[in-house]
Amino acid sequence: MIQKNKLLQVSSIIMIIGGVIGVVAGTMAVMGVGLLALTLGSEAKMGLLFGGSVLSLVSSLVSMVAGIIGVINADRPKKAKICIFFGVLAIGSAILASTLSMMGGNNFKITSLLVGLVLPTLYLIGAFQNKELAQTMSIENIKI
């Protein structure tokens, strides 16, 4: 029996929790921007606000799905590639969300970007550890 990758498992659980909170907040943000657009009328900034809200919602969904996949596959090294894919996707969506937020008029905050990247990076490290384990297992099977 293969032992679970603790780094992948713990980071995945935290990503699920953060993803669920983000989905709730993102849904409220999308509805709030829609209500604001109805009340004030549409402007160019309203489009960026809506786009940022939707991207935040999508980013949270990606994190939640990545977390679920990570928990399921923490003891399955052969499934490391799917975890790596979702880890890269989570990092990309965090960078994109930060960029869109800056384009919408918010100040660029390196600390919030770094904090948003820490967990997906830990997740990705755990996924790469599983990939190395899978390669090691393949080499051992060939020697036998």
N, C-alpha and C. Protein backbone atom coordinates (compact mmCIF):
# COMPACT_ATOMS: atom_id res chain seq x y z
N MET A 1 0.83 -1.19 0.00
CA MET A 1 0.00 0.00 0.00
C MET A 1 0.88 1.25 0.00
N ILE A 2 0.51 2.20 -0.82
CA ILE A 2 1.27 3.43 -0.95
C ILE A 2 0.78 4.44 0.08
N GLN A 3 1.73 5.09 0.74
CA GLN A 3 1.39 6.11 1.73
C GLN A 3 0.95 7.39 1.02
N LYS A 4 -0.03 8.08 1.61
CA LYS A 4 -0.52 9.34 1.02
C LYS A 4 0.55 10.42 1.10
N ASN A 5 0.61 11.23 0.08
CA ASN A 5 1.50 12.38 0.07
C ASN A 5 0.86 13.44 0.95
N LYS A 6 1.44 13.68 2.12
CA LYS A 6 0.84 14.60 3.11
C LYS A 6 0.79 16.03 2.60
N LEU A 7 1.82 16.47 1.89
CA LEU A 7 1.83 17.84 1.37
C LEU A 7 0.69 18.05 0.39
N LEU A 8 0.50 17.10 -0.51
CA LEU A 8 -0.58 17.18 -1.48
C LEU A 8 -1.93 17.09 -0.78
N GLN A 9 -2.06 16.21 0.19
CA GLN A 9 -3.33 16.03 0.87
C GLN A 9 -3.72 17.27 1.69
N VAL A 10 -2.79 17.80 2.47
CA VAL A 10 -3.10 18.96 3.32
C VAL A 10 -3.38 20.20 2.47
N SER A 11 -2.55 20.45 1.48
CA SER A 11 -2.78 21.62 0.62
C SER A 11 -4.10 21.47 -0.14
N SER A 12 -4.45 20.25 -0.51
CA SER A 12 -5.71 20.00 -1.21
C SER A 12 -6.91 20.30 -0.32
N ILE A 13 -6.84 19.86 0.93
CA ILE A 13 -7.95 20.12 1.86
C ILE A 13 -8.13 21.61 2.07
N ILE A 14 -7.04 22.33 2.23
CA ILE A 14 -7.13 23.78 2.41
C ILE A 14 -7.67 24.45 1.15
N MET A 15 -7.27 23.93 -0.03
CA MET A 15 -7.78 24.49 -1.28
C MET A 15 -9.28 24.23 -1.43
N ILE A 16 -9.76 23.09 -0.95
CA ILE A 16 -11.20 22.81 -1.00
C ILE A 16 -11.94 23.82 -0.12
N ILE A 17 -11.45 24.02 1.09
CA ILE A 17 -12.10 24.97 2.01
C ILE A 17 -12.09 26.37 1.42
N GLY A 18 -10.93 26.81 0.94
CA GLY A 18 -10.84 28.13 0.32
C GLY A 18 -11.70 28.24 -0.93
N GLY A 19 -11.75 27.16 -1.70
CA GLY A 19 -12.57 27.15 -2.91
C GLY A 19 -14.04 27.29 -2.62
N VAL A 20 -14.52 26.59 -1.59
CA VAL A 20 -15.94 26.69 -1.22
C VAL A 20 -16.26 28.11 -0.77
N ILE A 21 -15.40 28.68 0.08
CA ILE A 21 -15.62 30.06 0.53
C ILE A 21 -15.58 31.01 -0.67
N GLY A 22 -14.63 30.80 -1.57
CA GLY A 22 -14.52 31.63 -2.76
C GLY A 22 -15.71 31.52 -3.69
N VAL A 23 -16.27 30.32 -3.82
CA VAL A 23 -17.45 30.14 -4.68
C VAL A 23 -18.63 30.91 -4.10
N VAL A 24 -18.81 30.84 -2.79
CA VAL A 24 -19.90 31.59 -2.15
C VAL A 24 -19.68 33.09 -2.34
N ALA A 25 -18.46 33.56 -2.05
CA ALA A 25 -18.16 34.98 -2.19
C ALA A 25 -18.23 35.42 -3.65
N GLY A 26 -17.74 34.60 -4.56
CA GLY A 26 -17.78 34.93 -5.99
C GLY A 26 -19.19 35.00 -6.53
N THR A 27 -20.04 34.09 -6.07
CA THR A 27 -21.45 34.12 -6.48
C THR A 27 -22.12 35.39 -6.00
N MET A 28 -21.85 35.76 -4.75
CA MET A 28 -22.42 37.01 -4.22
C MET A 28 -21.88 38.22 -4.97
N ALA A 29 -20.60 38.18 -5.33
CA ALA A 29 -20.00 39.30 -6.07
C ALA A 29 -20.63 39.44 -7.45
N VAL A 30 -20.82 38.32 -8.15
CA VAL A 30 -21.44 38.37 -9.48
C VAL A 30 -22.86 38.93 -9.37
N MET A 31 -23.61 38.45 -8.38
CA MET A 31 -24.97 38.97 -8.20
C MET A 31 -24.96 40.44 -7.80
N GLY A 32 -24.00 40.84 -6.96
CA GLY A 32 -23.89 42.23 -6.54
C GLY A 32 -23.56 43.16 -7.69
N VAL A 33 -22.64 42.74 -8.55
CA VAL A 33 -22.29 43.56 -9.72
C VAL A 33 -23.48 43.66 -10.66
N GLY A 34 -24.20 42.55 -10.83
CA GLY A 34 -25.41 42.59 -11.66
C GLY A 34 -26.44 43.55 -11.12
N LEU A 35 -26.64 43.54 -9.81
CA LEU A 35 -27.58 44.46 -9.17
C LEU A 35 -27.10 45.89 -9.30
N LEU A 36 -25.82 46.11 -9.14
CA LEU A 36 -25.23 47.43 -9.29
C LEU A 36 -25.38 47.95 -10.71
N ALA A 37 -25.20 47.07 -11.68
CA ALA A 37 -25.35 47.46 -13.09
C ALA A 37 -26.79 47.85 -13.39
N LEU A 38 -27.74 47.13 -12.82
CA LEU A 38 -29.15 47.47 -13.00
C LEU A 38 -29.49 48.81 -12.38
N THR A 39 -28.90 49.09 -11.24
CA THR A 39 -29.18 50.32 -10.50
C THR A 39 -28.51 51.53 -11.14
N LEU A 40 -27.24 51.39 -11.48
CA LEU A 40 -26.47 52.54 -11.96
C LEU A 40 -26.36 52.63 -13.47
N GLY A 41 -26.67 51.59 -14.17
CA GLY A 41 -26.46 51.57 -15.61
C GLY A 41 -25.09 50.98 -15.89
N SER A 42 -24.83 50.65 -17.14
CA SER A 42 -23.57 49.99 -17.45
C SER A 42 -22.53 51.02 -17.86
N GLU A 43 -21.32 50.79 -17.39
CA GLU A 43 -20.16 51.60 -17.74
C GLU A 43 -19.01 50.64 -18.05
N ALA A 44 -17.92 51.20 -18.54
CA ALA A 44 -16.77 50.35 -18.88
C ALA A 44 -16.24 49.64 -17.64
N LYS A 45 -16.18 50.33 -16.51
CA LYS A 45 -15.66 49.73 -15.28
C LYS A 45 -16.57 48.61 -14.79
N MET A 46 -17.88 48.73 -15.09
CA MET A 46 -18.82 47.70 -14.66
C MET A 46 -18.48 46.38 -15.36
N GLY A 47 -18.05 46.45 -16.62
CA GLY A 47 -17.65 45.24 -17.34
C GLY A 47 -16.44 44.59 -16.71
N LEU A 48 -15.46 45.41 -16.32
CA LEU A 48 -14.28 44.87 -15.65
C LEU A 48 -14.64 44.28 -14.29
N LEU A 49 -15.53 44.96 -13.59
CA LEU A 49 -15.98 44.46 -12.30
C LEU A 49 -16.67 43.11 -12.46
N PHE A 50 -17.53 43.01 -13.44
CA PHE A 50 -18.24 41.76 -13.69
C PHE A 50 -17.26 40.67 -14.11
N GLY A 51 -16.34 41.03 -15.01
CA GLY A 51 -15.33 40.06 -15.46
C GLY A 51 -14.46 39.59 -14.30
N GLY A 52 -14.07 40.50 -13.44
CA GLY A 52 -13.27 40.14 -12.28
C GLY A 52 -14.03 39.23 -11.32
N SER A 53 -15.31 39.52 -11.16
CA SER A 53 -16.15 38.70 -10.27
C SER A 53 -16.31 37.29 -10.84
N VAL A 54 -16.55 37.20 -12.13
CA VAL A 54 -16.70 35.88 -12.76
C VAL A 54 -15.38 35.12 -12.71
N LEU A 55 -14.28 35.82 -12.96
CA LEU A 55 -12.97 35.17 -12.91
C LEU A 55 -12.66 34.69 -11.49
N SER A 56 -13.04 35.46 -10.50
CA SER A 56 -12.86 35.05 -9.12
C SER A 56 -13.66 33.78 -8.83
N LEU A 57 -14.88 33.73 -9.33
CA LEU A 57 -15.73 32.56 -9.16
C LEU A 57 -15.11 31.34 -9.85
N VAL A 58 -14.66 31.52 -11.07
CA VAL A 58 -14.03 30.42 -11.82
C VAL A 58 -12.74 29.96 -11.13
N SER A 59 -11.95 30.91 -10.66
CA SER A 59 -10.70 30.59 -9.97
C SER A 59 -10.99 29.78 -8.70
N SER A 60 -12.03 30.14 -7.99
CA SER A 60 -12.42 29.39 -6.79
C SER A 60 -12.88 27.98 -7.14
N LEU A 61 -13.62 27.86 -8.23
CA LEU A 61 -14.05 26.54 -8.69
C LEU A 61 -12.85 25.67 -9.07
N VAL A 62 -11.88 26.28 -9.74
CA VAL A 62 -10.67 25.55 -10.13
C VAL A 62 -9.93 25.06 -8.88
N SER A 63 -9.81 25.94 -7.89
CA SER A 63 -9.14 25.56 -6.64
C SER A 63 -9.88 24.43 -5.93
N MET A 64 -11.20 24.53 -5.91
CA MET A 64 -12.00 23.50 -5.25
C MET A 64 -11.85 22.15 -5.96
N VAL A 65 -11.94 22.16 -7.28
CA VAL A 65 -11.80 20.93 -8.06
C VAL A 65 -10.38 20.37 -7.92
N ALA A 66 -9.38 21.24 -7.98
CA ALA A 66 -8.00 20.80 -7.80
C ALA A 66 -7.83 20.15 -6.43
N GLY A 67 -8.42 20.76 -5.42
CA GLY A 67 -8.34 20.20 -4.08
C GLY A 67 -8.98 18.82 -3.99
N ILE A 68 -10.14 18.67 -4.58
CA ILE A 68 -10.83 17.38 -4.56
C ILE A 68 -9.99 16.32 -5.28
N ILE A 69 -9.46 16.68 -6.43
CA ILE A 69 -8.62 15.75 -7.20
C ILE A 69 -7.35 15.41 -6.41
N GLY A 70 -6.79 16.39 -5.72
CA GLY A 70 -5.59 16.15 -4.92
C GLY A 70 -5.84 15.21 -3.75
N VAL A 71 -6.97 15.39 -3.06
CA VAL A 71 -7.31 14.50 -1.95
C VAL A 71 -7.51 13.07 -2.45
N ILE A 72 -8.24 12.94 -3.55
CA ILE A 72 -8.52 11.62 -4.10
C ILE A 72 -7.23 10.92 -4.54
N ASN A 73 -6.30 11.69 -5.11
CA ASN A 73 -5.11 11.09 -5.72
C ASN A 73 -3.84 11.23 -4.89
N ALA A 74 -3.95 11.61 -3.63
CA ALA A 74 -2.76 11.78 -2.79
C ALA A 74 -1.99 10.48 -2.61
N ASP A 75 -2.66 9.35 -2.74
CA ASP A 75 -1.97 8.06 -2.62
C ASP A 75 -1.92 7.30 -3.95
N ARG A 76 -2.10 8.05 -5.04
CA ARG A 76 -2.05 7.44 -6.38
C ARG A 76 -1.01 8.17 -7.24
N PRO A 77 0.24 7.81 -7.11
CA PRO A 77 1.30 8.50 -7.86
C PRO A 77 1.08 8.50 -9.37
N LYS A 78 0.41 7.49 -9.90
CA LYS A 78 0.21 7.43 -11.34
C LYS A 78 -0.77 8.51 -11.83
N LYS A 79 -1.49 9.14 -10.91
CA LYS A 79 -2.43 10.20 -11.27
C LYS A 79 -1.82 11.59 -11.05
N ALA A 80 -0.50 11.65 -10.93
CA ALA A 80 0.19 12.91 -10.64
C ALA A 80 -0.01 13.95 -11.75
N LYS A 81 -0.10 13.50 -13.00
CA LYS A 81 -0.20 14.45 -14.12
C LYS A 81 -1.47 15.29 -14.04
N ILE A 82 -2.59 14.70 -13.63
CA ILE A 82 -3.83 15.46 -13.52
C ILE A 82 -3.71 16.48 -12.39
N CYS A 83 -3.03 16.11 -11.31
CA CYS A 83 -2.81 17.05 -10.21
C CYS A 83 -1.91 18.21 -10.65
N ILE A 84 -0.88 17.88 -11.42
CA ILE A 84 0.01 18.92 -11.93
C ILE A 84 -0.76 19.87 -12.83
N PHE A 85 -1.61 19.32 -13.70
CA PHE A 85 -2.42 20.15 -14.59
C PHE A 85 -3.28 21.14 -13.79
N PHE A 86 -3.98 20.64 -12.78
CA PHE A 86 -4.84 21.51 -12.00
C PHE A 86 -4.05 22.48 -11.12
N GLY A 87 -2.86 22.09 -10.68
CA GLY A 87 -1.99 23.00 -9.94
C GLY A 87 -1.55 24.18 -10.79
N VAL A 88 -1.16 23.89 -12.02
CA VAL A 88 -0.76 24.95 -12.96
C VAL A 88 -1.97 25.84 -13.28
N LEU A 89 -3.13 25.22 -13.46
CA LEU A 89 -4.35 25.97 -13.73
C LEU A 89 -4.70 26.89 -12.56
N ALA A 90 -4.54 26.42 -11.34
CA ALA A 90 -4.82 27.24 -10.15
C ALA A 90 -3.86 28.42 -10.06
N ILE A 91 -2.59 28.18 -10.35
CA ILE A 91 -1.61 29.28 -10.33
C ILE A 91 -1.92 30.29 -11.43
N GLY A 92 -2.23 29.79 -12.62
CA GLY A 92 -2.57 30.69 -13.73
C GLY A 92 -3.80 31.53 -13.45
N SER A 93 -4.81 30.94 -12.85
CA SER A 93 -6.03 31.71 -12.57
C SER A 93 -5.78 32.73 -11.47
N ALA A 94 -4.90 32.44 -10.51
CA ALA A 94 -4.55 33.41 -9.47
C ALA A 94 -3.83 34.61 -10.08
N ILE A 95 -2.92 34.35 -10.99
CA ILE A 95 -2.19 35.44 -11.66
C ILE A 95 -3.14 36.26 -12.52
N LEU A 96 -4.01 35.59 -13.26
CA LEU A 96 -4.98 36.28 -14.11
C LEU A 96 -5.95 37.13 -13.29
N ALA A 97 -6.42 36.59 -12.18
CA ALA A 97 -7.34 37.34 -11.32
C ALA A 97 -6.66 38.59 -10.76
N SER A 98 -5.40 38.47 -10.38
CA SER A 98 -4.66 39.61 -9.86
C SER A 98 -4.45 40.66 -10.94
N THR A 99 -4.15 40.22 -12.15
CA THR A 99 -3.96 41.14 -13.27
C THR A 99 -5.24 41.87 -13.61
N LEU A 100 -6.35 41.15 -13.66
CA LEU A 100 -7.64 41.77 -13.97
C LEU A 100 -8.07 42.75 -12.88
N SER A 101 -7.78 42.40 -11.65
CA SER A 101 -8.09 43.29 -10.52
C SER A 101 -7.32 44.59 -10.66
N MET A 102 -6.07 44.50 -11.07
CA MET A 102 -5.24 45.69 -11.27
C MET A 102 -5.77 46.52 -12.44
N MET A 103 -6.21 45.87 -13.50
CA MET A 103 -6.76 46.59 -14.65
C MET A 103 -8.07 47.29 -14.29
N GLY A 104 -8.79 46.75 -13.31
CA GLY A 104 -10.04 47.34 -12.86
C GLY A 104 -9.86 48.54 -11.97
N GLY A 105 -8.62 48.89 -11.67
CA GLY A 105 -8.38 50.09 -10.88
C GLY A 105 -7.82 49.83 -9.51
N ASN A 106 -7.75 48.59 -9.08
CA ASN A 106 -7.17 48.30 -7.77
C ASN A 106 -5.66 48.40 -7.86
N ASN A 107 -5.04 48.78 -6.77
CA ASN A 107 -3.58 48.83 -6.71
C ASN A 107 -3.02 47.42 -6.73
N PHE A 108 -1.89 47.26 -7.39
CA PHE A 108 -1.23 45.96 -7.43
C PHE A 108 -0.63 45.68 -6.06
N LYS A 109 -0.97 44.55 -5.49
CA LYS A 109 -0.45 44.17 -4.18
C LYS A 109 0.32 42.88 -4.33
N ILE A 110 1.62 42.99 -4.24
CA ILE A 110 2.49 41.82 -4.40
C ILE A 110 2.22 40.80 -3.29
N THR A 111 1.88 41.29 -2.09
CA THR A 111 1.63 40.36 -0.98
C THR A 111 0.40 39.49 -1.25
N SER A 112 -0.67 40.08 -1.78
CA SER A 112 -1.87 39.28 -2.05
C SER A 112 -1.62 38.28 -3.18
N LEU A 113 -0.81 38.69 -4.16
CA LEU A 113 -0.47 37.76 -5.23
C LEU A 113 0.36 36.60 -4.69
N LEU A 114 1.34 36.91 -3.86
CA LEU A 114 2.19 35.86 -3.30
C LEU A 114 1.39 34.91 -2.41
N VAL A 115 0.51 35.47 -1.58
CA VAL A 115 -0.32 34.63 -0.72
C VAL A 115 -1.23 33.74 -1.57
N GLY A 116 -1.75 34.30 -2.66
CA GLY A 116 -2.61 33.52 -3.56
C GLY A 116 -1.85 32.43 -4.31
N LEU A 117 -0.55 32.55 -4.37
CA LEU A 117 0.27 31.57 -5.08
C LEU A 117 0.88 30.51 -4.17
N VAL A 118 0.94 30.78 -2.86
CA VAL A 118 1.62 29.87 -1.94
C VAL A 118 0.95 28.50 -1.92
N LEU A 119 -0.35 28.46 -1.71
CA LEU A 119 -1.05 27.18 -1.58
C LEU A 119 -1.02 26.37 -2.88
N PRO A 120 -1.34 26.98 -4.04
CA PRO A 120 -1.23 26.20 -5.27
C PRO A 120 0.20 25.72 -5.55
N THR A 121 1.20 26.49 -5.12
CA THR A 121 2.59 26.08 -5.31
C THR A 121 2.91 24.88 -4.44
N LEU A 122 2.45 24.88 -3.20
CA LEU A 122 2.65 23.72 -2.32
C LEU A 122 1.95 22.50 -2.89
N TYR A 123 0.75 22.70 -3.41
CA TYR A 123 -0.02 21.64 -4.05
C TYR A 123 0.79 21.06 -5.22
N LEU A 124 1.34 21.96 -6.03
CA LEU A 124 2.12 21.54 -7.20
C LEU A 124 3.38 20.78 -6.79
N ILE A 125 4.04 21.22 -5.72
CA ILE A 125 5.22 20.50 -5.22
C ILE A 125 4.83 19.08 -4.81
N GLY A 126 3.69 18.95 -4.11
CA GLY A 126 3.21 17.62 -3.73
C GLY A 126 2.89 16.76 -4.94
N ALA A 127 2.32 17.37 -5.97
CA ALA A 127 2.00 16.62 -7.20
C ALA A 127 3.28 16.15 -7.89
N PHE A 128 4.30 17.01 -7.92
CA PHE A 128 5.57 16.61 -8.53
C PHE A 128 6.27 15.53 -7.70
N GLN A 129 6.09 15.55 -6.38
CA GLN A 129 6.63 14.47 -5.55
C GLN A 129 5.97 13.14 -5.92
N ASN A 130 4.66 13.18 -6.15
CA ASN A 130 3.96 11.97 -6.56
C ASN A 130 4.43 11.50 -7.93
N LYS A 131 4.71 12.45 -8.82
CA LYS A 131 5.20 12.08 -10.16
C LYS A 131 6.56 11.38 -10.05
N GLU A 132 7.43 11.90 -9.19
CA GLU A 132 8.74 11.26 -8.98
C GLU A 132 8.57 9.86 -8.41
N LEU A 133 7.63 9.71 -7.48
CA LEU A 133 7.37 8.39 -6.90
C LEU A 133 6.86 7.42 -7.96
N ALA A 134 6.01 7.90 -8.84
CA ALA A 134 5.49 7.05 -9.93
C ALA A 134 6.62 6.61 -10.85
N GLN A 135 7.54 7.53 -11.14
CA GLN A 135 8.67 7.17 -11.99
C GLN A 135 9.58 6.16 -11.30
N THR A 136 9.78 6.35 -9.99
CA THR A 136 10.59 5.41 -9.22
C THR A 136 9.95 4.03 -9.22
N MET A 137 8.63 3.99 -9.03
CA MET A 137 7.92 2.72 -9.03
C MET A 137 8.03 2.04 -10.38
N SER A 138 7.99 2.79 -11.47
CA SER A 138 8.11 2.21 -12.81
C SER A 138 9.49 1.61 -13.02
N ILE A 139 10.51 2.29 -12.54
CA ILE A 139 11.88 1.81 -12.69
C ILE A 139 12.07 0.52 -11.87
N GLU A 140 11.49 0.50 -10.64
CA GLU A 140 11.60 -0.69 -9.81
C GLU A 140 10.88 -1.87 -10.45
N ASN A 141 9.77 -1.62 -11.12
CA ASN A 141 9.04 -2.71 -11.78
C ASN A 141 9.83 -3.27 -12.95
N ILE A 142 10.57 -2.43 -13.62
CA ILE A 142 11.38 -2.88 -14.76
C ILE A 142 12.52 -3.76 -14.28
N LYS A 143 13.13 -3.44 -13.13
CA LYS A 143 14.28 -4.19 -12.59
C LYS A 143 13.87 -5.59 -12.16
N ILE A 144 12.63 -5.77 -11.78
CA ILE A 144 12.20 -7.08 -11.27
C ILE A 144 12.01 -8.07 -12.34
